[in-house]
N, C-alpha and C. Protein backbone atom coordinates (compact mmCIF):
# COMPACT_ATOMS: atom_id res chain seq x y z
N MET A 1 26.51 -8.23 -32.38
CA MET A 1 26.72 -7.88 -30.91
C MET A 1 27.32 -6.71 -30.65
N ALA A 2 27.00 -5.88 -29.63
CA ALA A 2 27.50 -4.76 -29.31
C ALA A 2 28.68 -4.98 -28.52
N ALA A 3 29.65 -4.09 -28.77
CA ALA A 3 30.98 -4.12 -28.25
C ALA A 3 31.01 -3.08 -27.17
N PRO A 4 31.50 -3.35 -25.86
CA PRO A 4 31.65 -2.26 -24.72
C PRO A 4 32.82 -1.18 -25.42
N ALA A 5 32.58 -0.07 -24.92
CA ALA A 5 33.54 1.15 -25.08
C ALA A 5 34.95 0.90 -24.25
N HIS A 6 35.90 1.69 -24.84
CA HIS A 6 37.03 1.66 -23.85
C HIS A 6 36.76 2.21 -22.46
N PRO A 7 37.33 1.75 -21.67
CA PRO A 7 37.33 2.03 -20.14
C PRO A 7 37.51 3.49 -19.95
N ALA A 8 38.77 4.03 -20.60
CA ALA A 8 39.12 5.54 -20.42
C ALA A 8 37.88 6.32 -21.15
N HIS A 9 37.27 6.05 -22.09
CA HIS A 9 36.23 6.72 -22.70
C HIS A 9 35.10 6.88 -21.84
N ALA A 10 34.65 5.54 -21.23
CA ALA A 10 33.50 5.74 -20.22
C ALA A 10 33.69 6.35 -19.16
N GLU A 11 34.90 6.63 -18.62
CA GLU A 11 35.27 7.30 -17.69
C GLU A 11 35.12 8.79 -17.97
N ARG A 12 35.63 9.24 -19.04
CA ARG A 12 35.47 10.53 -19.67
C ARG A 12 34.13 11.07 -19.66
N VAL A 13 33.28 10.10 -20.18
CA VAL A 13 31.73 10.28 -20.15
C VAL A 13 31.18 10.57 -18.85
N ARG A 14 31.61 9.51 -17.79
CA ARG A 14 31.06 9.71 -16.38
C ARG A 14 31.65 11.05 -15.93
N GLN A 15 32.81 11.54 -16.29
CA GLN A 15 33.17 12.94 -15.60
C GLN A 15 32.30 14.02 -16.16
N VAL A 16 31.81 13.85 -17.29
CA VAL A 16 30.88 14.87 -18.01
C VAL A 16 29.41 14.83 -17.28
N VAL A 17 29.11 13.56 -17.14
CA VAL A 17 27.65 13.55 -16.88
C VAL A 17 27.34 13.54 -15.21
N GLU A 18 28.26 13.24 -14.50
CA GLU A 18 28.14 13.22 -12.96
C GLU A 18 27.66 14.66 -12.54
N PRO A 19 28.23 15.69 -12.84
CA PRO A 19 28.03 17.19 -12.60
C PRO A 19 26.50 17.52 -13.11
N ALA A 20 26.16 16.94 -14.32
CA ALA A 20 24.89 17.26 -14.97
C ALA A 20 23.71 16.65 -14.18
N VAL A 21 23.85 15.37 -13.84
CA VAL A 21 22.94 14.67 -13.00
C VAL A 21 22.63 15.37 -11.46
N GLU A 22 23.88 15.78 -11.06
CA GLU A 22 23.80 16.23 -9.71
C GLU A 22 23.08 17.68 -9.81
N SER A 23 23.27 18.46 -10.94
CA SER A 23 22.73 19.79 -10.93
C SER A 23 21.05 19.69 -11.04
N VAL A 24 20.67 18.45 -11.19
CA VAL A 24 19.05 18.54 -11.11
C VAL A 24 18.74 17.75 -9.78
N GLY A 25 19.71 17.51 -8.89
CA GLY A 25 19.22 16.90 -7.54
C GLY A 25 19.44 15.53 -7.45
N LEU A 26 19.92 14.85 -8.47
CA LEU A 26 19.99 13.23 -8.38
C LEU A 26 21.45 12.75 -8.35
N LEU A 27 21.60 11.47 -8.20
CA LEU A 27 22.78 10.92 -8.10
C LEU A 27 23.08 10.08 -9.20
N LEU A 28 24.38 9.88 -9.61
CA LEU A 28 24.62 8.97 -10.89
C LEU A 28 24.97 7.65 -10.30
N GLU A 29 24.41 6.59 -10.53
CA GLU A 29 24.82 5.27 -10.29
C GLU A 29 25.55 4.53 -11.09
N ASP A 30 25.63 4.77 -12.47
CA ASP A 30 26.42 4.15 -13.46
C ASP A 30 26.24 4.68 -14.81
N VAL A 31 27.28 4.58 -15.59
CA VAL A 31 27.57 4.99 -16.83
C VAL A 31 27.96 3.81 -17.71
N ALA A 32 27.42 3.54 -18.69
CA ALA A 32 28.14 2.67 -19.61
C ALA A 32 27.88 3.05 -21.08
N VAL A 33 29.17 3.02 -22.08
CA VAL A 33 29.08 3.30 -23.26
C VAL A 33 29.41 2.28 -24.10
N ARG A 34 28.55 1.96 -25.07
CA ARG A 34 28.93 0.71 -26.05
C ARG A 34 28.50 1.11 -27.43
N ARG A 35 28.67 0.41 -28.26
CA ARG A 35 28.56 0.46 -29.70
C ARG A 35 27.24 -0.32 -30.06
N SER A 36 26.36 0.11 -30.78
CA SER A 36 25.19 -0.74 -31.48
C SER A 36 24.87 -0.12 -32.68
N ALA A 37 24.92 -0.84 -33.89
CA ALA A 37 24.53 -0.57 -35.01
C ALA A 37 25.06 0.70 -35.75
N GLY A 38 26.58 0.74 -35.37
CA GLY A 38 27.45 1.59 -35.87
C GLY A 38 27.25 2.98 -35.00
N ARG A 39 26.63 3.02 -33.99
CA ARG A 39 26.51 4.24 -33.19
C ARG A 39 26.69 4.15 -31.69
N SER A 40 27.19 5.03 -31.04
CA SER A 40 27.46 4.96 -29.61
C SER A 40 26.05 4.94 -28.86
N VAL A 41 25.98 4.20 -27.91
CA VAL A 41 24.81 4.24 -26.74
C VAL A 41 25.35 4.51 -25.60
N VAL A 42 24.92 5.60 -24.93
CA VAL A 42 25.25 5.91 -23.61
C VAL A 42 23.95 5.71 -22.65
N GLU A 43 24.41 4.83 -21.79
CA GLU A 43 23.40 4.20 -20.64
C GLU A 43 23.72 5.08 -19.27
N VAL A 44 22.73 5.87 -18.87
CA VAL A 44 23.06 6.53 -17.65
C VAL A 44 21.96 6.17 -16.79
N VAL A 45 22.54 5.67 -15.57
CA VAL A 45 21.55 5.04 -14.59
C VAL A 45 21.73 6.09 -13.22
N ILE A 46 20.35 6.57 -12.93
CA ILE A 46 20.36 7.75 -11.89
C ILE A 46 19.47 7.24 -10.71
N ASP A 47 19.58 7.70 -9.62
CA ASP A 47 18.88 7.49 -8.40
C ASP A 47 18.86 8.96 -7.61
N VAL A 48 18.04 8.69 -6.61
CA VAL A 48 17.60 9.65 -5.88
C VAL A 48 18.66 9.70 -4.43
N THR A 49 18.81 10.71 -3.86
CA THR A 49 19.64 10.90 -2.56
C THR A 49 18.91 9.96 -1.38
N GLU A 50 19.53 9.78 -0.27
CA GLU A 50 19.06 8.89 0.68
C GLU A 50 17.85 9.79 1.30
N ASP A 51 17.81 11.05 1.39
CA ASP A 51 16.88 11.62 2.11
C ASP A 51 15.87 12.38 1.24
N ASP A 52 15.86 12.09 -0.12
CA ASP A 52 14.87 12.44 -1.13
C ASP A 52 13.48 12.02 -0.80
N GLU A 53 12.61 12.98 -0.69
CA GLU A 53 11.35 12.46 -0.23
C GLU A 53 10.27 12.81 -1.54
N VAL A 54 10.74 12.78 -2.76
CA VAL A 54 9.87 13.00 -3.85
C VAL A 54 9.83 11.66 -4.44
N GLY A 55 11.17 11.04 -4.60
CA GLY A 55 11.32 9.85 -5.51
C GLY A 55 11.47 10.08 -6.88
N LEU A 56 11.77 9.19 -7.76
CA LEU A 56 12.16 9.26 -9.08
C LEU A 56 11.10 8.98 -10.10
N ASP A 57 10.54 10.10 -10.52
CA ASP A 57 9.39 10.06 -11.47
C ASP A 57 9.80 10.38 -12.89
N LEU A 58 8.94 10.25 -13.96
CA LEU A 58 9.40 10.57 -15.27
C LEU A 58 9.79 11.96 -15.32
N ASP A 59 9.12 12.98 -14.87
CA ASP A 59 9.65 14.19 -15.07
C ASP A 59 10.96 14.61 -14.41
N ARG A 60 11.40 13.95 -13.27
CA ARG A 60 12.97 14.11 -12.98
C ARG A 60 13.83 13.25 -13.93
N ILE A 61 13.15 12.24 -14.33
CA ILE A 61 14.27 11.57 -15.48
C ILE A 61 14.47 12.42 -16.69
N ALA A 62 13.37 13.02 -17.06
CA ALA A 62 13.29 13.87 -18.29
C ALA A 62 14.34 15.10 -17.91
N ASP A 63 14.20 15.71 -16.81
CA ASP A 63 15.14 16.80 -16.31
C ASP A 63 16.63 16.23 -16.46
N ALA A 64 16.87 14.94 -16.01
CA ALA A 64 18.18 14.53 -15.94
C ALA A 64 18.73 14.28 -17.35
N THR A 65 17.64 13.75 -18.30
CA THR A 65 18.19 13.51 -19.61
C THR A 65 18.56 14.76 -20.37
N HIS A 66 17.80 15.81 -20.20
CA HIS A 66 18.21 17.12 -20.72
C HIS A 66 19.46 17.79 -20.43
N ALA A 67 19.72 17.78 -19.08
CA ALA A 67 20.88 18.07 -18.49
C ALA A 67 22.06 17.20 -18.96
N VAL A 68 21.87 16.00 -19.04
CA VAL A 68 22.99 15.14 -19.45
C VAL A 68 23.19 15.31 -20.75
N SER A 69 22.26 15.41 -21.80
CA SER A 69 22.48 15.64 -23.35
C SER A 69 23.21 16.93 -23.33
N ASP A 70 22.74 17.91 -22.77
CA ASP A 70 23.36 19.21 -23.01
C ASP A 70 24.82 19.29 -22.59
N ALA A 71 25.06 18.66 -21.40
CA ALA A 71 26.54 18.34 -20.94
C ALA A 71 27.31 17.53 -21.99
N LEU A 72 26.86 16.38 -22.58
CA LEU A 72 27.60 15.46 -23.51
C LEU A 72 27.74 16.51 -24.76
N ASP A 73 26.77 17.10 -25.18
CA ASP A 73 27.10 17.70 -26.38
C ASP A 73 27.97 19.03 -26.30
N ALA A 74 27.85 19.77 -24.93
CA ALA A 74 28.91 20.80 -24.89
C ALA A 74 30.28 20.43 -24.50
N ALA A 75 30.38 19.28 -24.06
CA ALA A 75 31.79 18.76 -23.83
C ALA A 75 32.39 17.91 -25.00
N GLU A 76 31.51 17.79 -26.01
CA GLU A 76 31.85 17.05 -27.17
C GLU A 76 32.52 15.48 -26.91
N ALA A 77 31.73 14.87 -25.70
CA ALA A 77 32.32 13.82 -25.13
C ALA A 77 32.14 12.52 -25.90
N ILE A 78 31.15 12.82 -26.86
CA ILE A 78 30.70 11.46 -27.80
C ILE A 78 31.00 11.97 -29.23
N THR A 79 31.82 11.32 -29.98
CA THR A 79 31.95 11.69 -31.53
C THR A 79 31.01 10.92 -32.09
N GLY A 80 30.32 12.01 -33.03
CA GLY A 80 29.33 11.38 -33.85
C GLY A 80 28.01 11.35 -33.17
N GLU A 81 27.10 10.64 -33.91
CA GLU A 81 25.58 10.50 -33.53
C GLU A 81 25.44 9.67 -32.28
N TYR A 82 24.75 9.63 -31.43
CA TYR A 82 24.62 8.74 -30.14
C TYR A 82 23.28 8.68 -29.73
N THR A 83 23.01 7.55 -28.85
CA THR A 83 21.75 7.24 -28.32
C THR A 83 21.96 7.50 -27.09
N LEU A 84 21.08 8.32 -26.23
CA LEU A 84 21.26 8.52 -24.76
C LEU A 84 19.95 7.66 -24.18
N GLU A 85 20.42 6.97 -23.23
CA GLU A 85 19.38 6.11 -22.48
C GLU A 85 19.46 6.54 -21.01
N VAL A 86 18.60 7.29 -20.37
CA VAL A 86 18.58 7.60 -18.91
C VAL A 86 17.57 6.74 -18.12
N MET A 87 17.97 6.17 -17.10
CA MET A 87 17.08 5.32 -16.47
C MET A 87 17.30 5.19 -14.99
N SER A 88 16.06 4.69 -14.22
CA SER A 88 16.31 4.42 -12.85
C SER A 88 16.98 3.08 -12.74
N PRO A 89 17.51 2.59 -11.54
CA PRO A 89 18.25 1.27 -11.23
C PRO A 89 17.31 0.31 -11.45
N GLY A 90 15.94 0.33 -11.25
CA GLY A 90 15.28 -0.69 -11.17
C GLY A 90 15.04 -1.66 -10.02
N VAL A 91 14.07 -2.43 -9.84
CA VAL A 91 13.92 -3.18 -8.56
C VAL A 91 15.00 -4.21 -8.40
N SER A 92 15.53 -4.89 -9.50
CA SER A 92 16.47 -5.86 -9.31
C SER A 92 17.96 -5.65 -9.02
N ARG A 93 18.18 -4.24 -8.81
CA ARG A 93 19.50 -3.82 -8.56
C ARG A 93 19.88 -4.12 -7.14
N PRO A 94 21.22 -4.76 -7.10
CA PRO A 94 21.47 -5.25 -5.50
C PRO A 94 21.62 -3.93 -4.59
N LEU A 95 21.30 -4.40 -3.27
CA LEU A 95 21.29 -3.33 -2.30
C LEU A 95 22.53 -3.26 -1.94
N THR A 96 23.57 -2.31 -1.96
CA THR A 96 24.79 -2.14 -1.60
C THR A 96 25.14 -1.15 -0.64
N GLU A 97 24.38 -0.03 -0.67
CA GLU A 97 24.57 1.17 0.28
C GLU A 97 23.42 1.52 1.03
N ARG A 98 23.67 2.31 2.04
CA ARG A 98 22.53 2.60 3.07
C ARG A 98 21.42 3.17 2.37
N ARG A 99 21.65 4.00 1.32
CA ARG A 99 20.53 4.78 0.65
C ARG A 99 19.75 3.67 -0.07
N HIS A 100 20.39 2.71 -0.53
CA HIS A 100 19.57 1.61 -1.26
C HIS A 100 18.50 1.07 -0.53
N PHE A 101 19.04 0.62 0.85
CA PHE A 101 18.17 0.16 1.89
C PHE A 101 16.93 1.03 2.22
N THR A 102 17.36 2.37 2.41
CA THR A 102 16.51 3.33 2.77
C THR A 102 15.32 3.42 1.90
N ARG A 103 15.59 3.20 0.59
CA ARG A 103 14.44 3.27 -0.48
C ARG A 103 13.76 1.94 -0.67
N ALA A 104 14.14 0.93 0.08
CA ALA A 104 13.45 -0.32 -0.11
C ALA A 104 12.71 -0.69 1.17
N VAL A 105 12.67 0.36 2.11
CA VAL A 105 11.79 0.14 3.23
C VAL A 105 10.54 -0.28 2.83
N GLY A 106 9.89 -1.40 3.59
CA GLY A 106 8.42 -1.59 3.21
C GLY A 106 8.51 -2.72 2.31
N HIS A 107 9.62 -3.12 1.71
CA HIS A 107 9.69 -4.32 0.70
C HIS A 107 10.21 -5.50 1.29
N SER A 108 9.92 -6.56 0.51
CA SER A 108 10.37 -7.74 1.04
C SER A 108 12.02 -7.78 0.44
N VAL A 109 12.79 -8.33 1.27
CA VAL A 109 14.15 -8.26 0.94
C VAL A 109 14.81 -9.88 1.36
N VAL A 110 15.95 -10.23 0.55
CA VAL A 110 16.78 -11.34 1.08
C VAL A 110 18.26 -10.71 1.36
N VAL A 111 18.59 -11.06 2.56
CA VAL A 111 19.84 -10.55 3.08
C VAL A 111 20.98 -11.77 3.13
N HIS A 112 22.01 -11.62 2.61
CA HIS A 112 22.78 -12.64 2.84
C HIS A 112 24.08 -12.08 3.59
N ARG A 113 24.23 -12.67 4.88
CA ARG A 113 25.50 -12.17 5.71
C ARG A 113 26.76 -12.83 5.51
N HIS A 114 27.83 -11.96 6.11
CA HIS A 114 28.99 -12.50 5.80
C HIS A 114 29.25 -13.81 6.47
N ASP A 115 28.49 -14.05 7.59
CA ASP A 115 28.66 -15.30 8.37
C ASP A 115 28.19 -16.66 7.69
N GLY A 116 27.53 -16.37 6.50
CA GLY A 116 26.78 -17.42 5.87
C GLY A 116 25.41 -17.57 5.93
N GLY A 117 24.80 -16.77 6.80
CA GLY A 117 23.37 -16.81 7.11
C GLY A 117 22.59 -15.95 5.93
N THR A 118 21.37 -16.50 5.76
CA THR A 118 20.39 -15.68 4.93
C THR A 118 19.22 -15.24 5.87
N LEU A 119 18.85 -14.09 5.58
CA LEU A 119 17.51 -13.43 6.10
C LEU A 119 16.54 -13.29 5.25
N SER A 120 15.36 -13.71 5.10
CA SER A 120 14.27 -13.07 4.39
C SER A 120 13.10 -12.43 5.00
N GLY A 121 12.69 -11.39 4.65
CA GLY A 121 11.62 -10.79 5.27
C GLY A 121 11.36 -9.28 4.88
N ARG A 122 10.55 -8.72 5.58
CA ARG A 122 10.10 -7.24 5.27
C ARG A 122 11.09 -6.35 5.94
N LEU A 123 11.68 -5.46 5.05
CA LEU A 123 12.59 -4.43 5.57
C LEU A 123 11.74 -3.31 6.30
N THR A 124 11.81 -3.13 7.66
CA THR A 124 11.06 -2.25 8.22
C THR A 124 11.88 -0.93 8.56
N ALA A 125 12.82 -0.89 8.58
CA ALA A 125 13.66 0.30 8.97
C ALA A 125 15.15 0.43 8.70
N VAL A 126 15.74 1.45 8.53
CA VAL A 126 17.25 1.56 8.50
C VAL A 126 17.56 2.73 9.32
N GLU A 127 18.42 2.17 10.39
CA GLU A 127 19.02 3.07 11.44
C GLU A 127 20.12 3.63 11.07
N ARG A 128 20.50 4.93 11.20
CA ARG A 128 21.71 5.46 10.94
C ARG A 128 22.61 5.48 12.19
N THR A 129 23.81 4.86 11.93
CA THR A 129 24.69 4.89 13.08
C THR A 129 25.98 5.80 12.80
N GLY A 130 26.00 6.39 11.78
CA GLY A 130 27.07 7.15 11.38
C GLY A 130 26.93 7.64 9.80
N PRO A 131 27.98 8.53 9.52
CA PRO A 131 27.48 9.10 7.92
C PRO A 131 27.17 8.21 6.94
N GLN A 132 27.88 7.00 6.88
CA GLN A 132 27.88 5.89 5.86
C GLN A 132 27.13 4.54 6.43
N ASP A 133 27.33 4.36 7.73
CA ASP A 133 26.83 3.00 8.20
C ASP A 133 25.59 3.08 8.89
N GLY A 134 24.95 1.95 9.20
CA GLY A 134 23.92 1.86 9.78
C GLY A 134 23.49 0.43 10.05
N THR A 135 22.30 0.44 10.52
CA THR A 135 21.55 -1.22 10.79
C THR A 135 20.38 -1.12 10.29
N ILE A 136 20.13 -2.18 9.62
CA ILE A 136 18.53 -2.57 8.99
C ILE A 136 17.91 -3.46 9.78
N VAL A 137 16.64 -3.31 9.88
CA VAL A 137 15.74 -4.03 10.82
C VAL A 137 14.84 -4.89 9.77
N VAL A 138 14.77 -6.09 9.89
CA VAL A 138 14.02 -7.13 8.78
C VAL A 138 13.16 -7.82 9.72
N VAL A 139 11.93 -7.96 9.36
CA VAL A 139 11.03 -8.79 10.14
C VAL A 139 10.91 -9.86 9.37
N PRO A 140 11.32 -11.18 9.75
CA PRO A 140 11.44 -12.42 8.97
C PRO A 140 9.88 -12.97 8.87
N VAL A 141 9.75 -13.35 7.33
CA VAL A 141 8.27 -13.73 7.02
C VAL A 141 8.69 -15.08 6.38
N THR A 142 7.97 -16.21 6.88
CA THR A 142 8.02 -17.54 6.37
C THR A 142 6.75 -17.90 5.70
N PRO A 143 6.71 -18.09 4.37
CA PRO A 143 5.38 -18.09 3.71
C PRO A 143 4.63 -19.46 4.30
N GLY A 144 3.47 -19.32 4.40
CA GLY A 144 2.56 -20.50 5.06
C GLY A 144 2.24 -21.58 3.95
N LEU A 145 2.08 -22.86 4.43
CA LEU A 145 1.92 -23.87 3.30
C LEU A 145 0.46 -24.18 3.26
N LYS A 146 0.28 -24.40 1.99
CA LYS A 146 -1.15 -24.69 1.77
C LYS A 146 -2.19 -23.84 2.32
N GLY A 147 -2.06 -22.69 1.79
CA GLY A 147 -3.30 -21.74 2.30
C GLY A 147 -3.16 -21.18 3.56
N ARG A 148 -2.15 -21.47 4.48
CA ARG A 148 -2.04 -21.00 5.73
C ARG A 148 -1.37 -19.68 5.51
N LYS A 149 -1.71 -18.86 6.54
CA LYS A 149 -1.03 -17.72 6.70
C LYS A 149 0.26 -17.72 6.92
N PRO A 150 1.21 -16.76 6.22
CA PRO A 150 2.57 -16.72 6.62
C PRO A 150 2.78 -16.47 8.09
N VAL A 151 4.22 -17.07 8.59
CA VAL A 151 4.53 -17.05 9.99
C VAL A 151 5.52 -15.82 9.98
N VAL A 152 5.38 -14.66 10.83
CA VAL A 152 5.90 -13.63 11.16
C VAL A 152 6.77 -13.72 12.34
N GLY A 153 8.11 -13.46 12.13
CA GLY A 153 8.95 -13.46 13.34
C GLY A 153 9.29 -12.39 14.08
N GLU A 154 10.29 -12.38 14.96
CA GLU A 154 10.54 -11.18 15.69
C GLU A 154 11.63 -10.41 14.73
N ALA A 155 11.52 -9.05 14.85
CA ALA A 155 12.39 -8.17 14.14
C ALA A 155 13.79 -8.58 14.42
N VAL A 156 14.82 -8.39 13.44
CA VAL A 156 16.20 -8.73 13.58
C VAL A 156 16.78 -7.63 13.04
N GLN A 157 17.96 -7.04 13.81
CA GLN A 157 18.64 -6.12 13.39
C GLN A 157 19.89 -6.58 12.97
N VAL A 158 20.42 -5.97 11.82
CA VAL A 158 21.62 -6.47 11.21
C VAL A 158 22.39 -5.27 10.81
N PRO A 159 23.67 -5.04 11.30
CA PRO A 159 24.53 -4.02 11.08
C PRO A 159 24.84 -4.21 9.47
N LEU A 160 24.81 -3.05 8.59
CA LEU A 160 25.32 -3.15 7.36
C LEU A 160 26.57 -3.64 7.24
N SER A 161 27.57 -3.44 7.90
CA SER A 161 28.90 -4.13 7.84
C SER A 161 28.77 -5.62 7.83
N GLU A 162 27.76 -6.23 8.19
CA GLU A 162 27.61 -7.69 8.33
C GLU A 162 26.90 -8.09 7.07
N VAL A 163 26.49 -7.38 6.09
CA VAL A 163 25.78 -7.65 5.01
C VAL A 163 26.76 -7.72 3.87
N ARG A 164 26.88 -9.19 3.18
CA ARG A 164 27.57 -9.34 2.20
C ARG A 164 26.71 -9.21 0.69
N ALA A 165 25.48 -9.37 0.65
CA ALA A 165 24.80 -9.11 -0.57
C ALA A 165 23.34 -9.19 0.06
N ALA A 166 22.46 -8.30 -0.79
CA ALA A 166 21.31 -8.18 -0.52
C ALA A 166 20.38 -7.57 -1.85
N HIS A 167 19.06 -7.91 -1.83
CA HIS A 167 18.26 -7.60 -2.95
C HIS A 167 16.80 -7.50 -2.65
N VAL A 168 16.03 -6.64 -3.17
CA VAL A 168 14.66 -6.73 -3.07
C VAL A 168 13.94 -8.03 -3.52
N GLU A 169 13.02 -8.60 -3.01
CA GLU A 169 12.35 -9.87 -3.54
C GLU A 169 11.15 -9.32 -4.12
N VAL A 170 10.83 -9.43 -5.25
CA VAL A 170 9.56 -9.00 -6.01
C VAL A 170 8.59 -9.80 -5.45
N ASP A 171 7.57 -9.39 -5.08
CA ASP A 171 6.13 -9.92 -4.46
C ASP A 171 5.15 -10.23 -5.49
N LEU A 172 5.10 -11.24 -6.11
CA LEU A 172 4.24 -11.66 -7.03
C LEU A 172 2.89 -12.30 -6.57
N THR A 173 2.62 -12.25 -5.19
CA THR A 173 1.36 -12.78 -4.59
C THR A 173 0.48 -12.04 -5.13
N GLY A 174 -0.76 -12.68 -5.58
CA GLY A 174 -2.00 -12.19 -6.21
C GLY A 174 -1.63 -11.78 -7.86
N VAL A 175 -0.68 -12.16 -8.46
CA VAL A 175 -0.37 -12.02 -9.61
C VAL A 175 -0.45 -13.48 -10.34
N GLY A 176 -1.28 -13.64 -11.24
CA GLY A 176 -1.40 -15.19 -11.84
C GLY A 176 -2.75 -15.33 -12.57
N PRO A 177 -3.01 -16.31 -13.12
CA PRO A 177 -4.24 -16.74 -13.65
C PRO A 177 -5.51 -16.50 -12.75
N VAL A 178 -6.49 -15.85 -13.32
CA VAL A 178 -7.84 -15.93 -12.38
C VAL A 178 -8.42 -17.11 -12.57
N ASP A 179 -9.03 -17.83 -11.31
CA ASP A 179 -9.80 -18.91 -11.54
C ASP A 179 -11.15 -18.61 -12.35
N ASP A 180 -11.47 -19.31 -13.15
CA ASP A 180 -12.57 -19.17 -14.07
C ASP A 180 -13.89 -19.13 -13.36
N ASP A 181 -14.08 -19.57 -12.15
CA ASP A 181 -15.27 -19.61 -11.48
C ASP A 181 -15.39 -18.34 -10.80
N GLU A 182 -14.30 -17.81 -10.35
CA GLU A 182 -14.33 -16.43 -9.63
C GLU A 182 -14.42 -15.31 -10.61
N ALA A 183 -13.87 -15.59 -11.92
CA ALA A 183 -14.00 -14.50 -13.10
C ALA A 183 -15.55 -14.41 -13.27
N GLY A 184 -16.11 -15.61 -13.68
CA GLY A 184 -17.39 -15.77 -13.99
C GLY A 184 -18.60 -14.88 -12.88
N SER A 185 -18.29 -15.24 -11.52
CA SER A 185 -19.04 -14.71 -10.56
C SER A 185 -18.94 -13.03 -10.48
N ASP A 186 -17.49 -12.83 -10.79
CA ASP A 186 -17.30 -11.17 -10.72
C ASP A 186 -17.96 -10.45 -11.89
N ALA A 187 -18.00 -11.24 -12.99
CA ALA A 187 -18.46 -10.70 -14.19
C ALA A 187 -19.91 -10.51 -14.19
N ASP A 188 -20.45 -11.67 -13.71
CA ASP A 188 -21.98 -11.73 -13.41
C ASP A 188 -22.56 -10.51 -12.49
N ALA A 189 -21.60 -10.37 -11.56
CA ALA A 189 -21.90 -9.09 -10.65
C ALA A 189 -21.93 -8.06 -11.12
N GLY A 190 -21.23 -7.88 -11.98
CA GLY A 190 -20.97 -6.32 -12.66
C GLY A 190 -21.99 -6.03 -13.83
N GLN A 191 -22.93 -7.08 -14.18
CA GLN A 191 -23.81 -6.85 -15.38
C GLN A 191 -25.27 -6.46 -14.64
N GLU A 192 -25.85 -5.61 -15.65
CA GLU A 192 -27.34 -5.09 -15.32
C GLU A 192 -28.05 -6.10 -15.99
N ASN A 193 -29.26 -6.26 -15.29
CA ASN A 193 -30.28 -7.21 -15.90
C ASN A 193 -31.54 -6.35 -16.54
């Protein structure tokens, strides 16, 4: 089992990594340093800024990886050999900042409010009301029962200050086993006689 690194060591690595990530126009989400199989593993989670229109693709992750590797080597922040893993936060990360919500517009979300209420639906907008605060707009969607269409409610505005926790809900509709009858008819339709 891998043991986590000392917190002061991880903070030193963060101080070296953050400017490198910012130099390629990205944001540092998190840094973790752990030991595995006798060597250090440096995990760097990066993301785009709130107003970034390009998104995080493999080329940008590669650019960040080179910048971080060069910075770690120049600062000699890691003793000995190490493995560097640079990644995006992924869909399962909690939505904790306005920029997280901005990147999630169009997706299904679950929002837990400080008052104990929960709101599930499609995140349709993030309205800025100040430098760091804002309001999210969620259109509630209740799944239809037994093949019926979902029920779509009126848009609800929730100030970010009222959000206790939130996350993107992965939509798996349309994913699953294919009905043998449908697969057979599709396969037959594509064959030439």
